[in-house]
PDB file of all heavy atoms in Angstrom:
ATOM      1  N   THR A   1      -8.185   1.144   0.891  1.00  0.00           N
ATOM      2  CA  THR A   1      -8.286  -0.190   1.473  1.00  0.00           C
ATOM      3  C   THR A   1      -9.595  -0.330   2.243  1.00  0.00           C
ATOM      4  O   THR A   1     -10.081   0.638   2.849  1.00  0.00           O
ATOM      5  CB  THR A   1      -7.096  -0.483   2.410  1.00  0.00           C
ATOM      6  OG1 THR A   1      -7.224  -1.804   2.951  1.00  0.00           O
ATOM      7  CG2 THR A   1      -7.014   0.521   3.544  1.00  0.00           C
ATOM      8  N   ASP A   2     -10.147  -1.535   2.206  1.00  0.00           N
ATOM      9  CA  ASP A   2     -11.349  -1.802   3.004  1.00  0.00           C
ATOM     10  C   ASP A   2     -10.989  -2.464   4.326  1.00  0.00           C
ATOM     11  O   ASP A   2     -11.858  -2.933   5.055  1.00  0.00           O
ATOM     12  CB  ASP A   2     -12.335  -2.676   2.227  1.00  0.00           C
ATOM     13  CG  ASP A   2     -11.747  -4.035   1.844  1.00  0.00           C
ATOM     14  OD1 ASP A   2     -10.544  -4.269   2.127  1.00  0.00           O
ATOM     15  OD2 ASP A   2     -12.474  -4.858   1.252  1.00  0.00           O
ATOM     16  N   ARG A   3      -9.681  -2.460   4.617  1.00  0.00           N
ATOM     17  CA  ARG A   3      -9.219  -3.033   5.894  1.00  0.00           C
ATOM     18  C   ARG A   3      -8.530  -1.918   6.696  1.00  0.00           C
ATOM     19  O   ARG A   3      -7.354  -1.979   7.005  1.00  0.00           O
ATOM     20  CB  ARG A   3      -8.279  -4.215   5.651  1.00  0.00           C
ATOM     21  CG  ARG A   3      -8.969  -5.379   4.928  1.00  0.00           C
ATOM     22  CD  ARG A   3      -8.123  -6.631   4.976  1.00  0.00           C
ATOM     23  NE  ARG A   3      -6.948  -6.526   4.106  1.00  0.00           N
ATOM     24  CZ  ARG A   3      -5.975  -7.450   4.076  1.00  0.00           C
ATOM     25  NH1 ARG A   3      -6.043  -8.513   4.874  1.00  0.00           N
ATOM     26  NH2 ARG A   3      -4.962  -7.311   3.254  1.00  0.00           N
ATOM     27  N   LEU A   4      -9.315  -0.914   6.998  1.00  0.00           N
ATOM     28  CA  LEU A   4      -8.811   0.278   7.681  1.00  0.00           C
ATOM     29  C   LEU A   4      -9.299   0.312   9.122  1.00  0.00           C
ATOM     30  O   LEU A   4     -10.482   0.158   9.384  1.00  0.00           O
ATOM     31  CB  LEU A   4      -9.284   1.534   6.934  1.00  0.00           C
ATOM     32  CG  LEU A   4      -9.027   2.887   7.601  1.00  0.00           C
ATOM     33  CD1 LEU A   4      -7.534   3.154   7.724  1.00  0.00           C
ATOM     34  CD2 LEU A   4      -9.723   4.004   6.810  1.00  0.00           C
ATOM     35  N   THR A   5      -8.360   0.552  10.037  1.00  0.00           N
ATOM     36  CA  THR A   5      -8.684   0.759  11.444  1.00  0.00           C
ATOM     37  C   THR A   5      -8.149   2.123  11.859  1.00  0.00           C
ATOM     38  O   THR A   5      -6.965   2.417  11.650  1.00  0.00           O
ATOM     39  CB  THR A   5      -8.056  -0.330  12.336  1.00  0.00           C
ATOM     40  OG1 THR A   5      -8.530  -1.617  11.906  1.00  0.00           O
ATOM     41  CG2 THR A   5      -8.428  -0.116  13.788  1.00  0.00           C
ATOM     42  N   VAL A   6      -9.020   2.947  12.428  1.00  0.00           N
ATOM     43  CA  VAL A   6      -8.631   4.279  12.870  1.00  0.00           C
ATOM     44  C   VAL A   6      -8.595   4.292  14.384  1.00  0.00           C
ATOM     45  O   VAL A   6      -9.611   4.035  15.045  1.00  0.00           O
ATOM     46  CB  VAL A   6      -9.615   5.341  12.334  1.00  0.00           C
ATOM     47  CG1 VAL A   6      -9.232   6.726  12.857  1.00  0.00           C
ATOM     48  CG2 VAL A   6      -9.621   5.338  10.805  1.00  0.00           C
ATOM     49  N   LEU A   7      -7.415   4.593  14.929  1.00  0.00           N
ATOM     50  CA  LEU A   7      -7.236   4.654  16.377  1.00  0.00           C
ATOM     51  C   LEU A   7      -7.112   6.106  16.802  1.00  0.00           C
ATOM     52  O   LEU A   7      -6.124   6.780  16.478  1.00  0.00           O
ATOM     53  CB  LEU A   7      -5.981   3.879  16.797  1.00  0.00           C
ATOM     54  CG  LEU A   7      -5.901   2.403  16.373  1.00  0.00           C
ATOM     55  CD1 LEU A   7      -4.606   1.783  16.875  1.00  0.00           C
ATOM     56  CD2 LEU A   7      -7.110   1.639  16.893  1.00  0.00           C
ATOM     57  N   VAL A   8      -8.109   6.596  17.503  1.00  0.00           N
ATOM     58  CA  VAL A   8      -8.095   7.972  18.005  1.00  0.00           C
ATOM     59  C   VAL A   8      -7.536   7.934  19.419  1.00  0.00           C
ATOM     60  O   VAL A   8      -8.124   7.331  20.327  1.00  0.00           O
ATOM     61  CB  VAL A   8      -9.511   8.577  18.000  1.00  0.00           C
ATOM     62  CG1 VAL A   8      -9.455  10.019  18.492  1.00  0.00           C
ATOM     63  CG2 VAL A   8     -10.115   8.518  16.606  1.00  0.00           C
ATOM     64  N   ALA A   9      -6.365   8.560  19.609  1.00  0.00           N
ATOM     65  CA  ALA A   9      -5.682   8.501  20.909  1.00  0.00           C
ATOM     66  C   ALA A   9      -6.497   9.187  21.987  1.00  0.00           C
ATOM     67  O   ALA A   9      -7.297  10.101  21.720  1.00  0.00           O
ATOM     68  CB  ALA A   9      -4.305   9.147  20.783  1.00  0.00           C
ATOM     69  N   ALA A  10      -6.291   8.757  23.208  1.00  0.00           N
ATOM     70  CA  ALA A  10      -6.967   9.353  24.347  1.00  0.00           C
ATOM     71  C   ALA A  10      -6.647  10.840  24.430  1.00  0.00           C
ATOM     72  O   ALA A  10      -5.503  11.256  24.237  1.00  0.00           O
ATOM     73  CB  ALA A  10      -6.526   8.652  25.634  1.00  0.00           C
ATOM     74  N   GLY A  11      -7.671  11.648  24.684  1.00  0.00           N
ATOM     75  CA  GLY A  11      -7.490  13.089  24.823  1.00  0.00           C
ATOM     76  C   GLY A  11      -7.669  13.871  23.545  1.00  0.00           C
ATOM     77  O   GLY A  11      -7.694  15.106  23.581  1.00  0.00           O
ATOM     78  N   VAL A  12      -7.815  13.207  22.395  1.00  0.00           N
ATOM     79  CA  VAL A  12      -8.016  13.907  21.131  1.00  0.00           C
ATOM     80  C   VAL A  12      -9.502  14.212  20.965  1.00  0.00           C
ATOM     81  O   VAL A  12     -10.335  13.305  21.005  1.00  0.00           O
ATOM     82  CB  VAL A  12      -7.514  13.074  19.938  1.00  0.00           C
ATOM     83  CG1 VAL A  12      -7.814  13.789  18.624  1.00  0.00           C
ATOM     84  CG2 VAL A  12      -6.012  12.819  20.066  1.00  0.00           C
ATOM     85  N   GLU A  13      -9.830  15.473  20.804  1.00  0.00           N
ATOM     86  CA  GLU A  13     -11.231  15.873  20.666  1.00  0.00           C
ATOM     87  C   GLU A  13     -11.693  15.649  19.224  1.00  0.00           C
ATOM     88  O   GLU A  13     -11.083  16.146  18.285  1.00  0.00           O
ATOM     89  CB  GLU A  13     -11.398  17.344  21.045  1.00  0.00           C
ATOM     90  CG  GLU A  13     -11.097  17.639  22.512  1.00  0.00           C
ATOM     91  CD  GLU A  13     -11.356  19.089  22.873  1.00  0.00           C
ATOM     92  OE1 GLU A  13     -11.845  19.835  21.998  1.00  0.00           O
ATOM     93  OE2 GLU A  13     -11.064  19.477  24.021  1.00  0.00           O
ATOM     94  N   VAL A  14     -12.760  14.878  19.074  1.00  0.00           N
ATOM     95  CA  VAL A  14     -13.299  14.591  17.750  1.00  0.00           C
ATOM     96  C   VAL A  14     -14.805  14.819  17.757  1.00  0.00           C
ATOM     97  O   VAL A  14     -15.448  14.809  18.813  1.00  0.00           O
ATOM     98  CB  VAL A  14     -12.980  13.145  17.325  1.00  0.00           C
ATOM     99  CG1 VAL A  14     -11.487  12.969  17.101  1.00  0.00           C
ATOM    100  CG2 VAL A  14     -13.478  12.157  18.370  1.00  0.00           C
ATOM    101  N   ASP A  15     -15.349  15.013  16.570  1.00  0.00           N
ATOM    102  CA  ASP A  15     -16.775  15.255  16.424  1.00  0.00           C
ATOM    103  C   ASP A  15     -17.518  13.918  16.318  1.00  0.00           C
ATOM    104  O   ASP A  15     -17.210  13.090  15.457  1.00  0.00           O
ATOM    105  CB  ASP A  15     -17.008  16.091  15.156  1.00  0.00           C
ATOM    106  CG  ASP A  15     -18.468  16.415  14.968  1.00  0.00           C
ATOM    107  OD1 ASP A  15     -18.967  17.293  15.695  1.00  0.00           O
ATOM    108  OD2 ASP A  15     -19.087  15.788  14.084  1.00  0.00           O
ATOM    109  N   ASP A  16     -18.495  13.719  17.205  1.00  0.00           N
ATOM    110  CA  ASP A  16     -19.213  12.446  17.229  1.00  0.00           C
ATOM    111  C   ASP A  16     -19.927  12.179  15.914  1.00  0.00           C
ATOM    112  O   ASP A  16     -19.978  11.040  15.435  1.00  0.00           O
ATOM    113  CB  ASP A  16     -20.221  12.432  18.383  1.00  0.00           C
ATOM    114  CG  ASP A  16     -19.537  12.340  19.747  1.00  0.00           C
ATOM    115  OD1 ASP A  16     -18.360  11.916  19.770  1.00  0.00           O
ATOM    116  OD2 ASP A  16     -20.161  12.702  20.761  1.00  0.00           O
ATOM    117  N   ALA A  17     -20.470  13.210  15.289  1.00  0.00           N
ATOM    118  CA  ALA A  17     -21.168  13.022  14.022  1.00  0.00           C
ATOM    119  C   ALA A  17     -20.211  12.544  12.930  1.00  0.00           C
ATOM    120  O   ALA A  17     -20.563  11.703  12.094  1.00  0.00           O
ATOM    121  CB  ALA A  17     -21.846  14.317  13.604  1.00  0.00           C
ATOM    122  N   GLU A  18     -19.011  13.089  12.963  1.00  0.00           N
ATOM    123  CA  GLU A  18     -18.007  12.670  11.978  1.00  0.00           C
ATOM    124  C   GLU A  18     -17.638  11.205  12.188  1.00  0.00           C
ATOM    125  O   GLU A  18     -17.513  10.437  11.226  1.00  0.00           O
ATOM    126  CB  GLU A  18     -16.754  13.567  12.106  1.00  0.00           C
ATOM    127  CG  GLU A  18     -15.722  13.342  11.019  1.00  0.00           C
ATOM    128  CD  GLU A  18     -14.543  14.312  11.119  1.00  0.00           C
ATOM    129  OE1 GLU A  18     -14.476  15.086  12.102  1.00  0.00           O
ATOM    130  OE2 GLU A  18     -13.692  14.292  10.217  1.00  0.00           O
ATOM    131  N   LEU A  19     -17.480  10.828  13.439  1.00  0.00           N
ATOM    132  CA  LEU A  19     -17.173   9.420  13.731  1.00  0.00           C
ATOM    133  C   LEU A  19     -18.304   8.511  13.274  1.00  0.00           C
ATOM    134  O   LEU A  19     -18.066   7.413  12.745  1.00  0.00           O
ATOM    135  CB  LEU A  19     -16.925   9.234  15.222  1.00  0.00           C
ATOM    136  CG  LEU A  19     -15.697   9.951  15.808  1.00  0.00           C
ATOM    137  CD1 LEU A  19     -15.591   9.677  17.301  1.00  0.00           C
ATOM    138  CD2 LEU A  19     -14.421   9.516  15.103  1.00  0.00           C
ATOM    139  N   ALA A  20     -19.544   8.959  13.480  1.00  0.00           N
ATOM    140  CA  ALA A  20     -20.695   8.151  13.075  1.00  0.00           C
ATOM    141  C   ALA A  20     -20.725   7.962  11.563  1.00  0.00           C
ATOM    142  O   ALA A  20     -21.050   6.871  11.061  1.00  0.00           O
ATOM    143  CB  ALA A  20     -21.983   8.811  13.557  1.00  0.00           C
ATOM    144  N   THR A  21     -20.372   9.004  10.827  1.00  0.00           N
ATOM    145  CA  THR A  21     -20.327   8.896   9.362  1.00  0.00           C
ATOM    146  C   THR A  21     -19.294   7.864   8.926  1.00  0.00           C
ATOM    147  O   THR A  21     -19.540   7.058   8.019  1.00  0.00           O
ATOM    148  CB  THR A  21     -20.004  10.271   8.737  1.00  0.00           C
ATOM    149  OG1 THR A  21     -21.024  11.196   9.092  1.00  0.00           O
ATOM    150  CG2 THR A  21     -19.903  10.167   7.222  1.00  0.00           C
ATOM    151  N   MET A  22     -18.148   7.894   9.593  1.00  0.00           N
ATOM    152  CA  MET A  22     -17.095   6.934   9.255  1.00  0.00           C
ATOM    153  C   MET A  22     -17.548   5.508   9.561  1.00  0.00           C
ATOM    154  O   MET A  22     -17.355   4.588   8.746  1.00  0.00           O
ATOM    155  CB  MET A  22     -15.820   7.265  10.045  1.00  0.00           C
ATOM    156  CG  MET A  22     -15.181   8.583   9.678  1.00  0.00           C
ATOM    157  SD  MET A  22     -13.761   8.939  10.727  1.00  0.00           S
ATOM    158  CE  MET A  22     -13.392  10.603  10.207  1.00  0.00           C
ATOM    159  N   ALA A  23     -18.111   5.327  10.721  1.00  0.00           N
ATOM    160  CA  ALA A  23     -18.554   3.989  11.114  1.00  0.00           C
ATOM    161  C   ALA A  23     -19.621   3.468  10.156  1.00  0.00           C
ATOM    162  O   ALA A  23     -19.625   2.291   9.774  1.00  0.00           O
ATOM    163  CB  ALA A  23     -19.077   4.015  12.544  1.00  0.00           C
ATOM    164  N   ALA A  24     -20.538   4.359   9.755  1.00  0.00           N
ATOM    165  CA  ALA A  24     -21.593   3.946   8.837  1.00  0.00           C
ATOM    166  C   ALA A  24     -21.034   3.540   7.477  1.00  0.00           C
ATOM    167  O   ALA A  24     -21.639   2.739   6.751  1.00  0.00           O
ATOM    168  CB  ALA A  24     -22.607   5.069   8.673  1.00  0.00           C
ATOM    169  N   ALA A  25     -19.860   4.090   7.139  1.00  0.00           N
ATOM    170  CA  ALA A  25     -19.216   3.763   5.869  1.00  0.00           C
ATOM    171  C   ALA A  25     -18.322   2.532   5.978  1.00  0.00           C
ATOM    172  O   ALA A  25     -17.596   2.209   5.028  1.00  0.00           O
ATOM    173  CB  ALA A  25     -18.398   4.955   5.385  1.00  0.00           C
ATOM    174  N   GLY A  26     -18.338   1.878   7.137  1.00  0.00           N
ATOM    175  CA  GLY A  26     -17.590   0.640   7.290  1.00  0.00           C
ATOM    176  C   GLY A  26     -16.192   0.794   7.840  1.00  0.00           C
ATOM    177  O   GLY A  26     -15.409  -0.168   7.844  1.00  0.00           O
ATOM    178  N   VAL A  27     -15.867   1.971   8.347  1.00  0.00           N
ATOM    179  CA  VAL A  27     -14.534   2.180   8.915  1.00  0.00           C
ATOM    180  C   VAL A  27     -14.547   1.753  10.377  1.00  0.00           C
ATOM    181  O   VAL A  27     -15.446   2.128  11.142  1.00  0.00           O
ATOM    182  CB  VAL A  27     -14.106   3.654   8.796  1.00  0.00           C
ATOM    183  CG1 VAL A  27     -12.732   3.869   9.436  1.00  0.00           C
ATOM    184  CG2 VAL A  27     -14.081   4.095   7.334  1.00  0.00           C
ATOM    185  N   ASP A  28     -13.558   0.981  10.775  1.00  0.00           N
ATOM    186  CA  ASP A  28     -13.410   0.550  12.162  1.00  0.00           C
ATOM    187  C   ASP A  28     -12.736   1.679  12.936  1.00  0.00           C
ATOM    188  O   ASP A  28     -11.517   1.876  12.839  1.00  0.00           O
ATOM    189  CB  ASP A  28     -12.566  -0.722  12.216  1.00  0.00           C
ATOM    190  CG  ASP A  28     -12.383  -1.253  13.637  1.00  0.00           C
ATOM    191  OD1 ASP A  28     -12.981  -0.682  14.573  1.00  0.00           O
ATOM    192  OD2 ASP A  28     -11.628  -2.231  13.805  1.00  0.00           O
ATOM    193  N   VAL A  29     -13.528   2.455  13.672  1.00  0.00           N
ATOM    194  CA  VAL A  29     -13.010   3.595  14.417  1.00  0.00           C
ATOM    195  C   VAL A  29     -13.034   3.263  15.908  1.00  0.00           C
ATOM    196  O   VAL A  29     -14.068   2.853  16.451  1.00  0.00           O
ATOM    197  CB  VAL A  29     -13.856   4.858  14.161  1.00  0.00           C
ATOM    198  CG1 VAL A  29     -13.246   6.059  14.893  1.00  0.00           C
ATOM    199  CG2 VAL A  29     -13.949   5.158  12.675  1.00  0.00           C
TER     200      VAL A  29
END
């Protein structure tokens, strides 16, 4: 789907570079 929203809960450790890749691909993170 191109209507995807990813909600990362507070306290979950994620990689900023990975998030940037997702955002660049059009994912609403």
